[in-house]
């Protein structure tokens, strides 16, 4: 099934006056699906909420105010990406609107973590699951990355990415585009795999330099690569794997950028080698 067929299937299930939960592997894939749905609406009849950190009460008030007025066309559509990042206050303020949207409204909450939504939110949504089909020509790590970020697909298929030197990697601060993300991820994987076969002192020096980066986007990329390497490591016990994979998952799903970066880097990267401070 192509993405166009999946998009059309979802479109046919959308009805005015109802709220939906669109469950996707990642936000980039959701955007590819929703793009065609939004394009069928007047620009003034669509509201997209896409949080950097969390969805608070102000964002929900914006939605409610947007839905207070009739559409220019037939339907108003509201898209909330990362819906699992709603605060408790925001979720409570949204319940009535989700349960009884205006007759001209379609509300879509997008999430890759369905069970991270509050039960009171889930119960008010019609669940839609979007299947992701991944190119079989990609290797296992590449398929893992596409499942995380659909934007990587075409560049991975064409091997269109750069492997940064260690110095270039440490100097990377702005990670605002998927192209930069992919360069960083592929470089991290290669550099970390090389360090796993070197002596501990060299590895610790690298961690020391890396731990100076207090950038949540960079830390999430590190966590994604480390999670893969830990998952594939045959020398770690199941309990050790679970311990470190939980740390990675906490970083990836965190609603706020409140981390002790130095401690987090040392914990993850030493754990990758099975070493302790």
Protein backbone atom coordinates (compact mmCIF):
# COMPACT_ATOMS: atom_id res chain seq x y z
CA UNK A 1 0.00 0.00 0.00
CA UNK A 2 1.40 3.41 -0.99
CA UNK A 3 1.36 6.51 1.18
CA UNK A 4 -1.32 7.96 -1.14
CA UNK A 5 -3.59 4.99 -0.48
CA UNK A 6 -3.01 5.22 3.26
CA UNK A 7 -3.76 8.96 3.16
CA UNK A 8 -6.96 8.35 1.21
CA UNK A 9 -8.02 5.63 3.64
CA UNK A 10 -7.57 8.03 6.57
CA UNK A 11 -9.40 10.84 4.75
CA UNK A 12 -12.41 8.60 4.19
CA UNK A 13 -12.64 7.91 7.93
CA UNK A 14 -12.65 11.56 8.97
CA UNK A 15 -16.07 12.97 9.83
CA UNK A 16 -17.11 16.45 10.90
CA UNK A 17 -18.13 16.85 14.50
CA UNK A 18 -15.69 14.19 15.73
CA UNK A 19 -12.26 13.93 17.32
CA UNK A 20 -9.61 11.48 16.19
CA UNK A 21 -6.34 10.08 17.47
CA UNK A 22 -3.90 9.45 14.63
CA UNK A 23 -1.28 6.94 15.79
CA UNK A 24 1.90 7.09 13.71
CA UNK A 25 5.47 5.82 13.98
CA UNK A 26 6.82 9.39 13.81
CA UNK A 27 5.74 12.98 13.26
CA UNK A 28 7.41 13.36 9.85
CA UNK A 29 5.30 10.49 8.51
CA UNK A 30 2.19 12.08 9.99
CA UNK A 31 3.02 15.34 8.20
CA UNK A 32 3.37 13.53 4.90
CA UNK A 33 -0.05 11.97 5.42
CA UNK A 34 -1.80 15.09 6.70
CA UNK A 35 -0.32 17.43 4.10
CA UNK A 36 -2.80 16.28 1.49
CA UNK A 37 -5.69 16.44 3.94
CA UNK A 38 -4.92 20.03 4.98
CA UNK A 39 -4.41 21.14 1.38
CA UNK A 40 -8.04 20.35 0.65
CA UNK A 41 -9.10 23.03 3.15
CA UNK A 42 -9.08 26.81 3.00
CA UNK A 43 -5.95 28.02 4.79
CA UNK A 44 -8.13 29.96 7.22
CA UNK A 45 -10.03 26.80 8.11
CA UNK A 46 -6.98 24.87 9.34
CA UNK A 47 -5.10 25.25 12.63
CA UNK A 48 -1.88 23.33 13.30
CA UNK A 49 -0.37 23.11 16.79
CA UNK A 50 3.21 21.82 16.86
CA UNK A 51 4.95 22.27 20.23
CA UNK A 52 8.68 22.65 20.82
CA UNK A 53 8.33 21.33 24.37
CA UNK A 54 4.76 20.76 25.54
CA UNK A 55 1.15 21.68 24.78
CA UNK A 56 -0.10 23.97 27.51
CA UNK A 57 -3.32 25.68 28.40
CA UNK A 58 -2.59 28.58 26.02
CA UNK A 59 -2.47 26.27 23.01
CA UNK A 60 -5.80 24.69 23.99
CA UNK A 61 -7.38 28.13 24.40
CA UNK A 62 -6.18 28.95 20.88
CA UNK A 63 -7.94 25.83 19.58
CA UNK A 64 -11.18 26.61 21.41
CA UNK A 65 -11.19 30.19 20.14
CA UNK A 66 -10.45 29.00 16.59
CA UNK A 67 -13.46 26.66 16.71
CA UNK A 68 -15.79 29.32 18.08
CA UNK A 69 -16.35 30.72 14.57
CA UNK A 70 -17.88 28.98 11.57
CA UNK A 71 -15.60 27.99 8.68
CA UNK A 72 -15.28 29.83 5.40
CA UNK A 73 -15.71 26.51 3.69
CA UNK A 74 -17.47 23.38 4.91
CA UNK A 75 -15.05 22.19 7.61
CA UNK A 76 -12.53 23.45 10.12
CA UNK A 77 -9.62 21.12 10.84
CA UNK A 78 -7.39 21.19 13.93
CA UNK A 79 -4.15 19.19 13.99
CA UNK A 80 -2.22 18.77 17.25
CA UNK A 81 1.16 17.12 16.76
CA UNK A 82 2.87 15.42 19.71
CA UNK A 83 -0.46 15.25 21.51
CA UNK A 84 1.13 13.15 24.24
CA UNK A 85 2.99 16.30 25.31
CA UNK A 86 -0.18 17.90 26.64
CA UNK A 87 0.09 19.02 30.23
CA UNK A 88 -2.51 17.81 32.73
CA UNK A 89 -4.05 21.29 32.84
CA UNK A 90 -4.26 21.47 29.05
CA UNK A 91 -5.79 18.00 28.80
CA UNK A 92 -8.47 18.81 31.35
CA UNK A 93 -9.33 22.04 29.52
CA UNK A 94 -9.65 20.13 26.23
CA UNK A 95 -11.98 17.34 27.34
CA UNK A 96 -15.30 19.04 26.61
CA UNK A 97 -14.19 20.23 23.15
CA UNK A 98 -12.88 16.77 22.23
CA UNK A 99 -16.08 15.11 23.39
CA UNK A 100 -18.40 17.55 21.60
CA UNK A 101 -16.60 19.35 18.75
CA UNK A 102 -18.66 21.80 16.68
CA UNK A 103 -20.57 20.07 13.88
CA UNK A 104 -18.23 21.65 11.33
CA UNK A 105 -14.99 20.65 13.07
CA UNK A 106 -12.54 17.76 12.73
CA UNK A 107 -9.95 17.50 15.49
CA UNK A 108 -6.93 15.24 14.96
CA UNK A 109 -4.51 14.50 17.79
CA UNK A 110 -1.29 13.03 16.39
CA UNK A 111 0.90 10.82 18.54
CA UNK A 112 3.43 8.03 18.31
CA UNK A 113 2.73 7.20 21.98
CA UNK A 114 -0.94 6.37 22.19
CA UNK A 115 -0.80 5.09 25.75
CA UNK A 116 1.01 8.23 26.92
CA UNK A 117 -2.24 10.10 26.33
CA UNK A 118 -4.42 10.31 29.40
CA UNK A 119 -7.24 7.73 29.47
CA UNK A 120 -9.76 10.58 29.58
CA UNK A 121 -8.29 11.90 26.30
CA UNK A 122 -8.10 8.48 24.60
CA UNK A 123 -11.72 7.72 25.45
CA UNK A 124 -12.86 10.79 23.51
CA UNK A 125 -10.95 9.93 20.33
CA UNK A 126 -11.63 7.61 17.44
CA UNK A 127 -8.31 5.85 16.96
CA UNK A 128 -6.76 5.77 13.49
CA UNK A 129 -3.61 3.75 12.94
CA UNK A 130 -1.29 4.74 10.07
CA UNK A 131 0.85 1.87 8.80
CA UNK A 132 4.38 2.69 7.67
CA UNK A 133 5.86 0.71 4.80
CA UNK A 134 9.66 0.87 4.65
CA UNK A 135 11.84 0.21 1.61
CA UNK A 136 13.21 -3.37 1.89
CA UNK A 137 16.50 -2.28 0.28
CA UNK A 138 17.48 -0.34 3.41
CA UNK A 139 19.62 -2.10 6.00
CA UNK A 140 18.37 -2.77 9.53
CA UNK A 141 19.74 0.45 11.05
CA UNK A 142 18.40 2.55 8.17
CA UNK A 143 14.93 1.03 8.57
CA UNK A 144 15.12 1.82 12.28
CA UNK A 145 15.87 5.47 11.43
CA UNK A 146 13.02 5.78 8.92
CA UNK A 147 10.65 4.35 11.52
CA UNK A 148 11.84 7.19 13.78
CA UNK A 149 11.84 9.95 11.14
CA UNK A 150 10.21 9.48 7.74
CA UNK A 151 12.10 12.52 6.39
CA UNK A 152 15.24 10.36 6.28
CA UNK A 153 13.84 7.91 3.73
CA UNK A 154 14.90 9.42 0.41
CA UNK A 155 18.35 10.46 1.63
CA UNK A 156 19.03 7.01 3.06
CA UNK A 157 17.90 5.35 -0.17
CA UNK A 158 20.38 7.52 -2.08
CA UNK A 159 23.11 7.33 0.60
CA UNK A 160 22.89 11.12 0.51
CA UNK A 161 24.46 12.05 3.84
CA UNK A 162 27.83 13.12 5.18
CA UNK A 163 30.00 11.44 7.79
CA UNK A 164 31.38 14.19 10.00
CA UNK A 165 34.80 14.10 11.62
CA UNK A 166 34.88 13.95 15.40
CA UNK A 167 35.84 17.63 15.50
CA UNK A 168 32.98 18.60 13.17
CA UNK A 169 30.56 16.56 15.24
CA UNK A 170 31.57 18.26 18.48
CA UNK A 171 31.20 21.67 16.83
CA UNK A 172 27.67 20.97 15.57
CA UNK A 173 25.19 23.13 17.47
CA UNK A 174 22.30 23.99 15.15
CA UNK A 175 20.19 20.91 14.39
CA UNK A 176 17.12 22.43 12.80
CA UNK A 177 16.90 20.35 9.62
CA UNK A 178 16.50 16.62 9.06
CA UNK A 179 19.54 16.66 6.75
CA UNK A 180 21.75 17.80 9.64
CA UNK A 181 20.09 15.27 11.96
CA UNK A 182 20.92 12.42 9.60
CA UNK A 183 24.55 13.55 9.21
CA UNK A 184 24.90 13.67 13.00
CA UNK A 185 23.24 10.28 13.53
CA UNK A 186 25.32 8.43 10.94
CA UNK A 187 28.48 10.10 12.23
CA UNK A 188 27.68 9.28 15.85
CA UNK A 189 27.10 5.64 15.01
CA UNK A 190 30.42 5.33 13.21
CA UNK A 191 32.41 7.23 15.85
CA UNK A 192 30.88 5.33 18.78
CA UNK A 193 31.45 1.96 17.09
CA UNK A 194 35.11 2.92 16.64
CA UNK A 195 35.46 3.96 20.28
CA UNK A 196 33.96 0.71 21.53
CA UNK A 197 37.11 -1.04 20.33
CA UNK A 198 39.55 1.55 21.75
CA UNK A 199 40.96 1.87 25.25
CA UNK A 200 38.74 3.37 27.94
CA UNK A 201 40.85 6.51 28.50
CA UNK A 202 40.38 7.66 24.87
CA UNK A 203 36.65 6.98 25.11
CA UNK A 204 36.34 8.96 28.34
CA UNK A 205 38.11 11.93 26.74
CA UNK A 206 35.57 11.85 23.93
CA UNK A 207 32.67 11.64 26.40
CA UNK A 208 34.14 14.58 28.32
CA UNK A 209 34.05 16.72 25.18
CA UNK A 210 30.60 15.52 24.18
CA UNK A 211 29.14 16.14 27.64
CA UNK A 212 29.79 19.87 27.28
CA UNK A 213 26.94 20.05 24.74
CA UNK A 214 23.80 21.16 26.58
CA UNK A 215 21.57 20.83 23.53
CA UNK A 216 18.44 18.69 23.95
CA UNK A 217 18.13 17.99 20.20
CA UNK A 218 21.69 16.69 20.09
CA UNK A 219 21.14 14.61 23.22
CA UNK A 220 18.07 13.00 21.65
CA UNK A 221 20.11 12.00 18.61
CA UNK A 222 22.75 10.48 20.87
CA UNK A 223 20.03 8.62 22.79
CA UNK A 224 18.60 7.23 19.55
CA UNK A 225 21.97 5.89 18.38
CA UNK A 226 22.88 4.55 21.82
CA UNK A 227 19.51 2.77 22.08
CA UNK A 228 20.25 0.96 18.81
CA UNK A 229 23.78 -0.02 19.82
CA UNK A 230 22.61 -1.25 23.22
CA UNK A 231 19.76 -3.22 21.67
CA UNK A 232 22.17 -4.93 19.26
CA UNK A 233 24.90 -5.55 21.85
CA UNK A 234 25.17 -9.28 22.59
CA UNK A 235 27.52 -8.78 25.56
CA UNK A 236 25.05 -6.86 27.76
CA UNK A 237 22.58 -8.69 29.97
CA UNK A 238 18.85 -8.20 29.45
CA UNK A 239 18.63 -6.26 32.72
CA UNK A 240 21.44 -3.93 31.62
CA UNK A 241 19.78 -3.38 28.27
CA UNK A 242 16.44 -2.56 29.88
CA UNK A 243 18.11 -0.12 32.29
CA UNK A 244 19.81 1.92 29.57
CA UNK A 245 16.99 1.67 27.03
CA UNK A 246 14.68 3.20 29.62
CA UNK A 247 17.08 6.13 30.02
CA UNK A 248 17.12 6.60 26.23
CA UNK A 249 13.35 6.43 26.09
CA UNK A 250 13.00 8.99 28.90
CA UNK A 251 15.20 11.38 26.90
CA UNK A 252 13.29 10.85 23.66
CA UNK A 253 9.83 11.33 25.16
CA UNK A 254 10.72 14.09 27.63
CA UNK A 255 8.38 17.08 27.53
CA UNK A 256 11.03 19.41 28.91
CA UNK A 257 14.75 19.95 28.36
CA UNK A 258 15.64 19.65 32.04
CA UNK A 259 18.68 17.35 32.15
CA UNK A 260 21.99 17.08 33.91
CA UNK A 261 23.70 16.76 30.55
CA UNK A 262 27.13 15.76 31.81
CA UNK A 263 25.79 12.96 34.02
CA UNK A 264 23.43 11.75 31.27
CA UNK A 265 26.18 11.52 28.66
CA UNK A 266 28.52 9.66 31.01
CA UNK A 267 25.79 7.26 32.14
CA UNK A 268 24.67 6.38 28.62
CA UNK A 269 28.03 6.17 26.90
CA UNK A 270 29.84 4.28 29.64
CA UNK A 271 26.85 1.98 29.89
CA UNK A 272 27.27 1.27 26.20
CA UNK A 273 30.65 -0.30 26.96
CA UNK A 274 29.52 -1.94 30.16
CA UNK A 275 31.94 0.28 32.10
CA UNK A 276 31.18 2.03 35.38
CA UNK A 277 32.55 5.28 36.73
